[in-house]
Amino acid sequence: MSTLAQGSVEGGNPLVNIGIFGAFVVVTLVIVFRASRNTKTASDYYAAGRSFSGPQNGTAIAGDYLSAASFLGIAGAIAVYGYDGFLYSIGFLVAWLVALLLVAELLRNTGKFTMGDVLAFRMRQRPVRAAAATSTLAVSFFYLLAQMAGAGGLVSLLLGVEGDVGQGVVIAVVGIVMIIYVLVGGMKGTTWVQIIKAGLLIAGTAVMTVWVLGKYGLNLSELLGSASQAAGGGDALLNPGEQYGESGTTQLDFLSLGIALVLGTAGLPHVLMRFYTVPTSKEARRSVVWAIAWIGLFYLFTLVLGYGAAALVGTDTITNAPGGENAAAPLLALELGGPVLLGFIAAVAFATILAVVAGLTITASASFAHDVYANVIKKGKVDSKTTEVKVARITACVIGAVAIVGGILAKDQNVAFLVALAFAVAASANLPTILYSLFWKRFNTRGALWSIYGGLTTTLVLIVFSPAVSGSDDAMIPGADFAWFPLSNPGIVSIPLSFLLGIIGTMTSKEHLEGKHKEMEVRSLTGAGAEKATVH
């Protein structure tokens, strides 16, 4: 996902776009207020009272996962780079198999609300919870900043709001609405927002997909041939290597990114937290199956939309439009259905940002209130029904304010590295500790701390000194050059290192927790005791 340039899509109607988006906000706020009437306890606020079914939660997961980067960025990448752009879709989708097979059900059975619950089940509570909260807040912050920064550019692209003040105001509005969702509705209200957003997104892309295919007699081969002709008559869009085939370094960079995407999803805290909103482990499994179905369908749609944009709009038109690649889907909507369809797509893009930032905010606030405040600071001696939820709401306000300020400051920056950083941190710091905790009986507190802090530190250092930050044309700091790490994504180094640090830390510690692991293993596999889990 790249920074969106200033200027609006020519031919669009900003008033229509704002009107449709306003209608979405009003409808979802009404639903959030209705959902909030039953939000009383910590379980209600963090896990929606475990009241959602598998299909409902799976749809919400899809709404949480399919960000603005997925919607606008992947369609644009396919339109401009063809085959290489579609590889993003494949990486994001395959990642869910890792989540389904290794994480979803076991996590649901073992924990209560956060990743810290899972790690603290068999280790020393305070240091492990503090480490888990640090990692969760880091991932959430970078992901949140990327979404908020993208909102400013999206506004200029779709609504014609130009200038620093105008974009700053809209970022603030997005942040305030998101804070209201989280404060009032908790996880239940946020989940309904994500379900509605997923429905809108998939319905909108389905209509556009059928429309595009209809222009080519519902023949995908005809569409691909037309896109190839529009791009200059060669097969560049249909063959691998257009984006990542320049050199061995770029190919290695893509491998690194792919590893981070595939492994990072199973460690994203806002995705993991969704598994606690269902009543049973069976529903957790069903959640992921439904999520895979919806997300897979969406990414198949992006294939048609990307090549459709290349064929009907033209690659040159897309790259020269405000927002570059990100303009592909809006320009295609304008080409197909005029300002009304563009307005709907604009509203869906904003709904996407709102739903994702709301999910991230409630995850970060829950991690701080439950892990840091309740279990580290108060040592578990806190009234979960009032104090802990109050702290979570205050934290949500603080996180929202930081996200607004960060989004305004970063709106003109390249935010692609923020998304990559979030996935790399999740894959490096979170996933190794989760897998070791679930499957390795020798694993202990030192191993967890070395893995989390080592993975987090390595990822941050390698990103700071990578071409994503300096030393390249599209770097965050274009004029500077202090990059010594050749890859934009550090996953290929930081992920194996984090696994290794977990092993070294464990083997150099005399702490043995095998007995506790047996209890955890029984519970993770059977769900025994999970249904009766209390807050502390």
Protein backbone atom coordinates (compact mmCIF):
# COMPACT_ATOMS: atom_id res chain seq x y z
CA MET A 1 0.00 0.00 0.00
CA SER A 2 1.50 3.29 -1.01
CA THR A 3 0.72 6.84 -0.03
CA LEU A 4 -2.23 8.29 -1.90
CA ALA A 5 -1.53 11.50 -3.74
CA GLN A 6 -3.66 14.59 -3.48
CA GLY A 7 -6.49 15.28 -5.88
CA SER A 8 -9.81 13.49 -6.46
CA VAL A 9 -10.95 10.96 -9.03
CA GLU A 10 -12.11 12.91 -12.07
CA GLY A 11 -15.82 12.36 -12.73
CA GLY A 12 -16.68 11.37 -9.17
CA ASN A 13 -19.26 13.17 -7.03
CA PRO A 14 -17.88 13.90 -3.54
CA LEU A 15 -21.37 14.71 -2.19
CA VAL A 16 -22.67 11.27 -3.20
CA ASN A 17 -19.61 9.63 -1.63
CA ILE A 18 -20.02 11.55 1.65
CA GLY A 19 -23.78 10.85 1.72
CA ILE A 20 -23.39 7.09 1.35
CA PHE A 21 -20.61 7.01 3.92
CA GLY A 22 -22.70 9.11 6.32
CA ALA A 23 -25.59 6.67 5.97
CA PHE A 24 -23.28 3.78 6.84
CA VAL A 25 -22.01 5.58 9.96
CA VAL A 26 -25.55 6.39 11.16
CA VAL A 27 -26.83 2.83 10.66
CA THR A 28 -23.82 1.24 12.37
CA LEU A 29 -23.94 3.69 15.29
CA VAL A 30 -27.58 2.76 15.91
CA ILE A 31 -26.60 -0.93 15.92
CA VAL A 32 -23.66 -0.25 18.25
CA PHE A 33 -25.90 1.58 20.73
CA ARG A 34 -28.39 -1.31 20.69
CA ALA A 35 -25.60 -3.85 21.21
CA SER A 36 -24.17 -1.84 24.12
CA ARG A 37 -27.21 -2.46 26.34
CA ASN A 38 -25.84 -5.89 27.28
CA THR A 39 -22.19 -4.84 27.75
CA LYS A 40 -21.72 -5.02 31.53
CA THR A 41 -18.87 -7.40 32.42
CA ALA A 42 -15.30 -7.82 31.20
CA SER A 43 -16.41 -10.89 29.24
CA ASP A 44 -19.08 -8.78 27.51
CA TYR A 45 -16.64 -5.98 26.69
CA TYR A 46 -13.69 -8.13 25.58
CA ALA A 47 -15.39 -11.22 24.11
CA ALA A 48 -19.00 -10.09 23.41
CA GLY A 49 -20.16 -12.51 26.12
CA ARG A 50 -19.02 -15.37 23.83
CA SER A 51 -22.40 -14.99 22.13
CA PHE A 52 -21.54 -15.11 18.41
CA SER A 53 -21.94 -18.19 16.23
CA GLY A 54 -19.21 -19.56 14.00
CA PRO A 55 -20.64 -18.11 10.76
CA GLN A 56 -21.18 -14.70 12.41
CA ASN A 57 -17.69 -14.62 13.87
CA GLY A 58 -16.15 -15.88 10.62
CA THR A 59 -17.82 -13.03 8.75
CA ALA A 60 -16.55 -10.56 11.37
CA ILE A 61 -13.03 -12.00 11.05
CA ALA A 62 -13.23 -11.38 7.30
CA GLY A 63 -14.38 -7.82 8.03
CA ASP A 64 -11.50 -7.37 10.46
CA TYR A 65 -8.89 -8.88 8.13
CA LEU A 66 -9.78 -7.30 4.80
CA SER A 67 -8.29 -3.86 5.29
CA ALA A 68 -8.15 -0.89 2.92
CA ALA A 69 -4.76 -2.20 1.83
CA SER A 70 -6.40 -5.45 0.73
CA PHE A 71 -9.27 -3.78 -1.08
CA LEU A 72 -7.52 -0.94 -2.87
CA GLY A 73 -3.91 -2.11 -2.76
CA ILE A 74 -4.23 -5.66 -4.10
CA ALA A 75 -6.64 -4.76 -6.90
CA GLY A 76 -4.17 -2.02 -7.90
CA ALA A 77 -1.16 -4.33 -7.66
CA ILE A 78 -2.87 -6.85 -9.96
CA ALA A 79 -3.83 -4.10 -12.42
CA VAL A 80 -0.27 -2.80 -12.62
CA TYR A 81 1.87 -5.91 -11.97
CA GLY A 82 -0.48 -8.75 -12.89
CA TYR A 83 0.68 -12.14 -11.64
CA ASP A 84 3.03 -10.71 -9.00
CA GLY A 85 0.21 -8.62 -7.56
CA PHE A 86 -2.04 -11.69 -7.23
CA LEU A 87 0.65 -13.40 -5.13
CA TYR A 88 -0.33 -11.04 -2.28
CA SER A 89 -3.83 -12.53 -2.35
CA ILE A 90 -2.45 -16.06 -2.25
CA GLY A 91 -0.17 -15.24 0.71
CA PHE A 92 -2.97 -13.62 2.72
CA LEU A 93 -5.30 -16.57 2.05
CA VAL A 94 -2.82 -19.41 2.69
CA ALA A 95 -2.06 -17.74 6.04
CA TRP A 96 -5.49 -18.79 7.26
CA LEU A 97 -4.63 -22.46 6.91
CA VAL A 98 -1.87 -21.89 9.47
CA ALA A 99 -4.37 -20.17 11.76
CA LEU A 100 -6.94 -22.96 11.33
CA LEU A 101 -4.60 -25.93 11.76
CA LEU A 102 -2.28 -24.65 14.49
CA VAL A 103 -3.89 -21.83 16.44
CA ALA A 104 -7.66 -21.19 16.35
CA GLU A 105 -9.22 -24.00 18.37
CA LEU A 106 -6.28 -24.52 20.76
CA LEU A 107 -6.12 -20.81 21.57
CA ARG A 108 -9.85 -20.61 22.14
CA ASN A 109 -9.69 -23.51 24.62
CA THR A 110 -6.64 -22.27 26.52
CA GLY A 111 -7.13 -18.54 26.91
CA LYS A 112 -9.80 -16.17 28.06
CA PHE A 113 -9.36 -12.79 26.39
CA THR A 114 -5.79 -12.09 25.25
CA MET A 115 -2.55 -13.71 24.09
CA GLY A 116 -1.14 -12.96 27.54
CA ASP A 117 -3.72 -15.32 29.05
CA VAL A 118 -2.40 -18.18 26.93
CA LEU A 119 1.27 -17.59 27.80
CA ALA A 120 0.57 -16.96 31.48
CA PHE A 121 -1.32 -20.26 31.80
CA ARG A 122 1.93 -22.17 32.41
CA MET A 123 4.57 -19.47 33.06
CA ARG A 124 5.37 -16.68 35.49
CA GLN A 125 2.44 -14.30 35.08
CA ARG A 126 3.82 -10.78 35.41
CA PRO A 127 6.88 -10.80 33.08
CA VAL A 128 5.13 -12.85 30.39
CA ARG A 129 1.98 -10.73 30.43
CA ALA A 130 4.06 -7.54 30.22
CA ALA A 131 5.96 -8.94 27.22
CA ALA A 132 2.76 -10.12 25.49
CA ALA A 133 1.13 -6.71 26.04
CA THR A 134 4.21 -4.92 24.66
CA SER A 135 4.14 -7.03 21.50
CA THR A 136 0.36 -6.64 21.11
CA LEU A 137 0.55 -2.86 21.48
CA ALA A 138 3.44 -2.68 18.96
CA VAL A 139 1.60 -4.68 16.30
CA SER A 140 -1.68 -2.84 16.91
CA PHE A 141 -0.03 0.59 16.81
CA PHE A 142 1.76 0.05 13.49
CA TYR A 143 -1.30 -1.53 11.88
CA LEU A 144 -3.50 1.25 13.27
CA LEU A 145 -1.13 3.97 12.09
CA ALA A 146 -1.11 2.49 8.59
CA GLN A 147 -4.92 2.51 8.41
CA MET A 148 -5.23 6.06 9.78
CA ALA A 149 -2.48 7.38 7.51
CA GLY A 150 -4.17 5.73 4.54
CA ALA A 151 -7.45 7.43 5.48
CA GLY A 152 -6.03 10.88 4.73
CA GLY A 153 -4.97 9.92 1.23
CA LEU A 154 -8.19 7.98 0.63
CA VAL A 155 -10.15 11.13 1.41
CA SER A 156 -8.28 13.17 -1.19
CA LEU A 157 -8.72 10.38 -3.72
CA LEU A 158 -12.45 9.74 -3.31
CA LEU A 159 -13.94 12.86 -1.72
CA GLY A 160 -11.85 15.61 -3.26
CA VAL A 161 -10.83 16.99 0.16
CA GLU A 162 -7.43 18.58 -0.36
CA GLY A 163 -4.98 20.37 1.90
CA ASP A 164 -3.43 19.39 5.19
CA VAL A 165 -6.24 20.85 7.31
CA GLY A 166 -9.02 19.09 5.38
CA GLN A 167 -7.33 15.72 5.47
CA GLY A 168 -6.46 16.17 9.15
CA VAL A 169 -10.11 16.90 9.98
CA VAL A 170 -11.30 13.75 8.19
CA ILE A 171 -8.67 11.58 9.93
CA ALA A 172 -9.89 13.04 13.24
CA VAL A 173 -13.52 12.26 12.33
CA VAL A 174 -12.61 8.65 11.44
CA GLY A 175 -10.76 8.33 14.76
CA ILE A 176 -13.60 9.81 16.82
CA VAL A 177 -16.24 7.55 15.23
CA MET A 178 -13.98 4.55 15.83
CA ILE A 179 -13.54 5.51 19.51
CA ILE A 180 -17.35 5.77 19.89
CA TYR A 181 -17.77 2.26 18.43
CA VAL A 182 -15.30 0.82 20.94
CA LEU A 183 -16.38 2.83 23.99
CA VAL A 184 -20.08 2.22 23.57
CA GLY A 185 -20.37 -1.18 21.95
CA GLY A 186 -17.28 -3.01 23.13
CA MET A 187 -16.49 -6.21 21.23
CA LYS A 188 -20.17 -6.87 20.48
CA GLY A 189 -20.72 -3.51 18.77
CA THR A 190 -17.37 -3.74 16.98
CA THR A 191 -18.23 -7.24 15.73
CA TRP A 192 -21.53 -6.08 14.21
CA VAL A 193 -19.73 -3.21 12.47
CA GLN A 194 -17.28 -5.74 11.00
CA ILE A 195 -20.08 -8.08 9.89
CA ILE A 196 -21.90 -5.24 8.09
CA LYS A 197 -18.67 -4.01 6.52
CA ALA A 198 -17.77 -7.51 5.30
CA GLY A 199 -21.23 -7.86 3.73
CA LEU A 200 -20.93 -4.49 1.98
CA LEU A 201 -17.39 -5.19 0.77
CA ILE A 202 -18.11 -8.65 -0.63
CA ALA A 203 -21.44 -7.56 -2.16
CA GLY A 204 -19.82 -4.53 -3.81
CA THR A 205 -16.89 -6.47 -5.22
CA ALA A 206 -19.23 -9.29 -6.35
CA VAL A 207 -21.37 -6.85 -8.35
CA MET A 208 -18.30 -5.31 -9.97
CA THR A 209 -16.83 -8.76 -10.72
CA VAL A 210 -19.98 -9.98 -12.50
CA TRP A 211 -20.22 -6.63 -14.31
CA VAL A 212 -16.63 -6.87 -15.57
CA LEU A 213 -16.97 -10.50 -16.63
CA GLY A 214 -20.26 -9.66 -18.34
CA LYS A 215 -18.40 -7.32 -20.66
CA TYR A 216 -16.32 -10.31 -21.81
CA GLY A 217 -19.11 -12.87 -22.12
CA LEU A 218 -18.34 -14.28 -18.64
CA ASN A 219 -15.11 -15.58 -20.13
CA LEU A 220 -12.05 -15.08 -17.87
CA SER A 221 -9.65 -15.92 -20.72
CA GLU A 222 -11.11 -13.11 -22.81
CA LEU A 223 -10.63 -10.70 -19.90
CA LEU A 224 -7.02 -11.75 -19.35
CA GLY A 225 -6.28 -11.43 -23.08
CA SER A 226 -7.82 -7.97 -23.19
CA ALA A 227 -5.84 -6.84 -20.13
CA SER A 228 -2.64 -8.13 -21.72
CA GLN A 229 -3.42 -6.26 -24.96
CA ALA A 230 -4.20 -3.04 -23.07
CA ALA A 231 -0.84 -3.30 -21.27
CA GLY A 232 1.09 -3.31 -24.53
CA GLY A 233 0.32 -6.63 -26.12
CA GLY A 234 2.96 -8.69 -24.29
CA ASP A 235 2.48 -11.32 -21.61
CA ALA A 236 4.07 -9.29 -18.80
CA LEU A 237 0.82 -9.08 -16.79
CA LEU A 238 0.26 -12.83 -17.10
CA ASN A 239 3.75 -14.02 -16.18
CA PRO A 240 5.67 -13.83 -12.88
CA GLY A 241 8.50 -11.36 -12.38
CA GLU A 242 6.93 -8.02 -13.34
CA GLN A 243 7.34 -6.59 -9.83
CA TYR A 244 9.81 -8.87 -8.07
CA GLY A 245 11.88 -10.35 -10.90
CA GLU A 246 14.46 -7.60 -11.28
CA SER A 247 17.24 -9.28 -9.28
CA GLY A 248 18.04 -11.92 -6.71
CA THR A 249 17.56 -9.34 -3.94
CA THR A 250 14.04 -8.44 -5.03
CA GLN A 251 13.14 -12.13 -5.28
CA LEU A 252 14.52 -12.73 -1.79
CA ASP A 253 12.58 -9.68 -0.59
CA PHE A 254 9.36 -11.18 -1.92
CA LEU A 255 10.12 -14.51 -0.22
CA SER A 256 10.70 -12.61 3.04
CA LEU A 257 7.41 -10.73 2.64
CA GLY A 258 5.57 -13.96 1.83
CA ILE A 259 6.89 -15.69 4.96
CA ALA A 260 5.82 -12.71 7.09
CA LEU A 261 2.32 -12.64 5.57
CA VAL A 262 1.73 -16.39 5.84
CA LEU A 263 3.00 -16.70 9.42
CA GLY A 264 2.04 -13.22 10.64
CA THR A 265 -1.73 -13.70 10.36
CA ALA A 266 -1.74 -16.44 13.02
CA GLY A 267 0.02 -13.99 15.36
CA LEU A 268 -2.05 -10.84 14.73
CA PRO A 269 -3.58 -9.99 18.13
CA HIS A 270 -6.81 -8.48 16.75
CA VAL A 271 -7.40 -11.69 14.75
CA LEU A 272 -6.53 -13.96 17.71
CA MET A 273 -8.91 -12.09 20.00
CA ARG A 274 -11.84 -12.89 17.71
CA PHE A 275 -11.58 -16.58 18.61
CA TYR A 276 -12.73 -15.79 22.16
CA THR A 277 -16.11 -14.39 21.05
CA VAL A 278 -17.58 -17.84 20.32
CA PRO A 279 -19.05 -20.20 22.95
CA THR A 280 -17.25 -23.44 22.01
CA SER A 281 -14.12 -24.73 20.29
CA LYS A 282 -16.30 -26.20 17.52
CA GLU A 283 -17.59 -22.71 16.76
CA ALA A 284 -13.97 -21.44 16.74
CA ARG A 285 -13.18 -23.96 14.00
CA ARG A 286 -16.33 -22.99 12.09
CA SER A 287 -15.29 -19.34 12.42
CA VAL A 288 -12.04 -19.92 10.56
CA VAL A 289 -13.71 -22.07 7.88
CA TRP A 290 -16.24 -19.30 7.20
CA ALA A 291 -13.47 -16.68 7.29
CA ILE A 292 -11.45 -18.67 4.74
CA ALA A 293 -14.52 -18.96 2.50
CA TRP A 294 -15.31 -15.23 2.57
CA ILE A 295 -11.68 -14.10 2.29
CA GLY A 296 -10.95 -16.61 -0.49
CA LEU A 297 -14.02 -15.44 -2.42
CA PHE A 298 -12.96 -11.82 -2.00
CA TYR A 299 -9.44 -12.46 -3.29
CA LEU A 300 -10.84 -14.28 -6.33
CA PHE A 301 -12.89 -11.14 -6.98
CA THR A 302 -9.75 -8.99 -6.75
CA LEU A 303 -8.24 -11.06 -9.57
CA VAL A 304 -11.10 -10.08 -11.88
CA LEU A 305 -11.20 -6.48 -10.63
CA GLY A 306 -7.44 -6.03 -11.06
CA TYR A 307 -7.29 -7.40 -14.59
CA GLY A 308 -10.61 -5.67 -15.33
CA ALA A 309 -9.11 -2.32 -14.33
CA ALA A 310 -6.06 -3.01 -16.52
CA ALA A 311 -8.33 -3.85 -19.49
CA LEU A 312 -11.05 -1.18 -19.13
CA VAL A 313 -9.18 1.72 -17.48
CA GLY A 314 -5.61 1.07 -18.60
CA THR A 315 -2.41 0.63 -16.61
CA ASP A 316 -1.04 4.03 -17.62
CA THR A 317 -4.23 5.81 -16.55
CA ILE A 318 -4.11 4.05 -13.18
CA THR A 319 -0.46 4.80 -12.44
CA ASN A 320 -0.92 8.48 -13.41
CA ALA A 321 -4.13 8.96 -11.39
CA PRO A 322 -4.20 10.46 -7.88
CA GLY A 323 -3.21 7.61 -5.59
CA GLY A 324 -1.49 5.54 -8.28
CA GLU A 325 -2.17 1.82 -7.89
CA ASN A 326 -4.76 2.47 -5.18
CA ALA A 327 -6.98 4.24 -7.72
CA ALA A 328 -7.58 1.06 -9.75
CA ALA A 329 -10.77 -0.12 -7.99
CA PRO A 330 -12.38 3.38 -7.75
CA LEU A 331 -11.56 4.14 -11.41
CA LEU A 332 -13.04 0.79 -12.46
CA ALA A 333 -16.20 1.55 -10.45
CA LEU A 334 -16.46 4.93 -12.17
CA GLU A 335 -15.97 3.29 -15.57
CA LEU A 336 -18.67 0.67 -14.90
CA GLY A 337 -21.38 2.47 -12.95
CA GLY A 338 -20.54 6.16 -12.85
CA PRO A 339 -20.57 8.35 -9.74
CA VAL A 340 -23.15 6.23 -7.86
CA LEU A 341 -21.10 3.02 -7.98
CA LEU A 342 -17.97 5.05 -7.18
CA GLY A 343 -19.83 6.51 -4.18
CA PHE A 344 -20.69 3.04 -2.94
CA ILE A 345 -17.09 1.87 -3.35
CA ALA A 346 -15.90 5.01 -1.52
CA ALA A 347 -18.26 4.23 1.36
CA VAL A 348 -17.07 0.62 1.47
CA ALA A 349 -13.44 1.81 1.60
CA PHE A 350 -14.23 4.08 4.56
CA ALA A 351 -16.26 1.36 6.25
CA THR A 352 -13.22 -0.87 5.83
CA ILE A 353 -10.97 1.59 7.64
CA LEU A 354 -13.51 2.12 10.45
CA ALA A 355 -14.04 -1.59 11.05
CA VAL A 356 -10.33 -2.44 11.06
CA VAL A 357 -9.27 0.42 13.36
CA ALA A 358 -12.12 -0.38 15.76
CA GLY A 359 -10.95 -4.01 16.00
CA LEU A 360 -7.36 -2.94 16.54
CA THR A 361 -8.31 -0.40 19.21
CA ILE A 362 -10.37 -2.80 21.30
CA THR A 363 -7.58 -5.39 21.11
CA ALA A 364 -4.90 -2.96 22.24
CA SER A 365 -7.07 -1.54 25.04
CA ALA A 366 -8.01 -5.03 26.25
CA SER A 367 -4.37 -6.11 26.29
CA PHE A 368 -3.33 -3.12 28.40
CA ALA A 369 -6.28 -3.27 30.81
CA HIS A 370 -6.36 -7.05 31.26
CA ASP A 371 -2.68 -7.96 31.07
CA VAL A 372 -0.84 -4.86 32.30
CA TYR A 373 -3.30 -3.14 34.66
CA ALA A 374 -5.25 -6.06 36.12
CA ASN A 375 -2.54 -8.73 36.23
CA VAL A 376 0.81 -6.91 36.36
CA ILE A 377 0.03 -3.72 38.28
CA LYS A 378 -2.86 -4.99 40.44
CA LYS A 379 -1.63 -8.62 40.55
CA GLY A 380 -5.08 -9.96 39.70
CA LYS A 381 -6.83 -8.17 42.58
CA VAL A 382 -9.27 -5.98 40.66
CA ASP A 383 -13.04 -5.84 40.20
CA SER A 384 -13.37 -7.01 36.60
CA LYS A 385 -16.95 -5.83 36.22
CA THR A 386 -16.18 -2.16 36.73
CA THR A 387 -12.56 -1.11 37.17
CA GLU A 388 -10.93 -3.22 34.46
CA VAL A 389 -13.53 -2.29 31.81
CA LYS A 390 -13.23 1.38 32.83
CA VAL A 391 -9.44 1.19 32.36
CA ALA A 392 -9.96 -0.47 28.97
CA ARG A 393 -12.25 2.35 27.85
CA ILE A 394 -9.81 5.03 29.02
CA THR A 395 -7.03 3.18 27.17
CA ALA A 396 -9.18 3.10 24.02
CA CYS A 397 -9.51 6.89 24.17
CA VAL A 398 -5.74 7.30 24.57
CA ILE A 399 -4.98 4.88 21.73
CA GLY A 400 -7.55 6.62 19.53
CA ALA A 401 -6.01 10.02 20.23
CA VAL A 402 -2.50 8.71 19.48
CA ALA A 403 -3.77 7.11 16.27
CA ILE A 404 -5.37 10.38 15.14
CA VAL A 405 -2.19 12.38 15.78
CA GLY A 406 -0.01 9.68 14.21
CA GLY A 407 -2.28 9.41 11.18
CA ILE A 408 -2.17 13.18 10.62
CA LEU A 409 1.64 13.25 10.94
CA ALA A 410 2.13 10.21 8.68
CA LYS A 411 -0.51 10.94 6.04
CA ASP A 412 2.08 12.00 3.46
CA GLN A 413 4.43 9.10 4.23
CA ASN A 414 4.76 5.72 2.59
CA VAL A 415 2.71 3.47 4.87
CA ALA A 416 3.45 0.14 3.18
CA PHE A 417 6.31 -0.55 5.59
CA LEU A 418 3.94 -0.05 8.56
CA VAL A 419 1.69 -2.87 7.35
CA ALA A 420 4.70 -5.09 6.62
CA LEU A 421 6.13 -4.22 10.03
CA ALA A 422 2.91 -5.25 11.78
CA PHE A 423 2.93 -8.65 10.07
CA ALA A 424 6.67 -9.12 10.63
CA VAL A 425 6.36 -8.30 14.35
CA ALA A 426 3.36 -10.62 14.71
CA ALA A 427 5.21 -13.47 12.97
CA SER A 428 8.48 -12.84 14.83
CA ALA A 429 7.37 -11.99 18.38
CA ASN A 430 3.95 -13.61 18.75
CA LEU A 431 3.76 -16.79 16.71
CA PRO A 432 6.88 -18.60 18.04
CA THR A 433 5.84 -18.09 21.67
CA ILE A 434 2.27 -19.22 20.97
CA LEU A 435 3.38 -22.39 19.16
CA TYR A 436 6.05 -23.22 21.75
CA SER A 437 3.55 -22.68 24.59
CA LEU A 438 1.00 -24.99 22.99
CA PHE A 439 3.28 -27.76 21.71
CA TRP A 440 6.65 -27.78 23.57
CA LYS A 441 6.49 -29.03 27.13
CA ARG A 442 10.05 -27.85 28.02
CA PHE A 443 9.26 -24.22 27.05
CA ASN A 444 9.52 -21.77 29.95
CA THR A 445 9.40 -18.12 30.96
CA ARG A 446 12.91 -17.14 29.80
CA GLY A 447 12.30 -18.74 26.40
CA ALA A 448 9.07 -16.75 26.00
CA LEU A 449 10.70 -13.45 27.01
CA TRP A 450 13.73 -13.96 24.73
CA SER A 451 11.49 -14.91 21.83
CA ILE A 452 9.07 -11.97 22.22
CA TYR A 453 11.57 -9.22 23.00
CA GLY A 454 14.22 -10.63 20.65
CA GLY A 455 11.78 -10.95 17.76
CA LEU A 456 10.35 -7.48 18.38
CA THR A 457 13.76 -5.81 18.68
CA THR A 458 15.24 -7.56 15.64
CA THR A 459 12.24 -6.66 13.49
CA LEU A 460 12.29 -3.00 14.50
CA VAL A 461 16.06 -2.62 13.99
CA LEU A 462 16.08 -4.31 10.57
CA ILE A 463 13.09 -2.25 9.40
CA VAL A 464 14.67 1.03 10.52
CA PHE A 465 17.84 0.24 8.55
CA SER A 466 16.04 -1.13 5.49
CA PRO A 467 15.24 0.48 2.09
CA ALA A 468 11.65 0.93 3.31
CA VAL A 469 12.81 3.79 5.58
CA SER A 470 15.75 5.32 3.70
CA GLY A 471 17.94 4.96 0.66
CA SER A 472 15.28 4.35 -2.00
CA ASP A 473 12.91 6.43 -4.14
CA ASP A 474 9.76 5.38 -2.25
CA ALA A 475 11.34 5.32 1.23
CA MET A 476 9.71 6.93 4.25
CA ILE A 477 12.62 9.42 4.47
CA PRO A 478 13.50 9.99 0.76
CA GLY A 479 16.47 12.31 1.30
CA ALA A 480 18.32 10.13 3.80
CA ASP A 481 20.34 6.97 3.29
CA PHE A 482 21.33 4.95 6.36
CA ALA A 483 20.09 1.58 5.11
CA TRP A 484 22.46 -1.36 5.47
CA PHE A 485 19.89 -4.19 5.48
CA PRO A 486 19.04 -4.94 1.82
CA LEU A 487 15.46 -6.25 2.26
CA SER A 488 12.34 -4.15 2.87
CA ASN A 489 10.77 -6.90 4.99
CA PRO A 490 12.90 -8.58 7.70
CA GLY A 491 10.74 -11.70 8.08
CA ILE A 492 13.24 -14.12 6.54
CA VAL A 493 15.78 -13.15 9.25
CA SER A 494 13.68 -12.14 12.26
CA ILE A 495 11.23 -15.08 12.27
CA PRO A 496 13.81 -17.92 12.36
CA LEU A 497 15.88 -15.89 14.85
CA SER A 498 12.88 -15.55 17.16
CA PHE A 499 12.27 -19.31 17.07
CA LEU A 500 15.98 -19.86 17.81
CA LEU A 501 15.98 -17.37 20.72
CA GLY A 502 13.01 -19.21 22.21
CA ILE A 503 15.03 -22.44 22.15
CA ILE A 504 18.22 -20.87 23.56
CA GLY A 505 16.35 -19.01 26.31
CA THR A 506 14.50 -22.17 27.34
CA MET A 507 17.54 -24.46 27.35
CA THR A 508 19.67 -22.02 29.37
CA SER A 509 17.03 -21.73 32.09
CA LYS A 510 16.61 -24.24 34.92
CA GLU A 511 12.86 -23.60 35.12
CA HIS A 512 10.81 -26.73 34.36
CA LEU A 513 7.08 -26.41 33.69
CA GLU A 514 6.29 -29.83 32.22
CA GLY A 515 3.53 -30.51 34.76
CA LYS A 516 1.67 -27.34 33.89
CA HIS A 517 2.07 -28.13 30.18
CA LYS A 518 0.13 -31.40 30.62
CA GLU A 519 -2.80 -29.48 32.08
CA MET A 520 -2.58 -26.96 29.24
CA GLU A 521 -2.40 -29.71 26.63
CA VAL A 522 -5.55 -31.41 27.92
CA ARG A 523 -7.43 -28.13 28.02
CA SER A 524 -6.25 -26.94 24.58
CA LEU A 525 -7.25 -30.26 22.94
CA THR A 526 -10.51 -30.93 24.79
CA GLY A 527 -11.73 -27.53 25.96
CA ALA A 528 -12.14 -28.90 29.50
CA GLY A 529 -12.48 -25.95 31.87
CA ALA A 530 -12.46 -23.33 29.10
CA GLU A 531 -16.20 -22.72 29.26
CA LYS A 532 -16.01 -21.91 32.98
CA ALA A 533 -12.96 -19.64 32.72
CA THR A 534 -13.20 -16.60 34.91
CA VAL A 535 -11.47 -13.31 34.34
CA HIS A 536 -8.56 -13.94 36.71
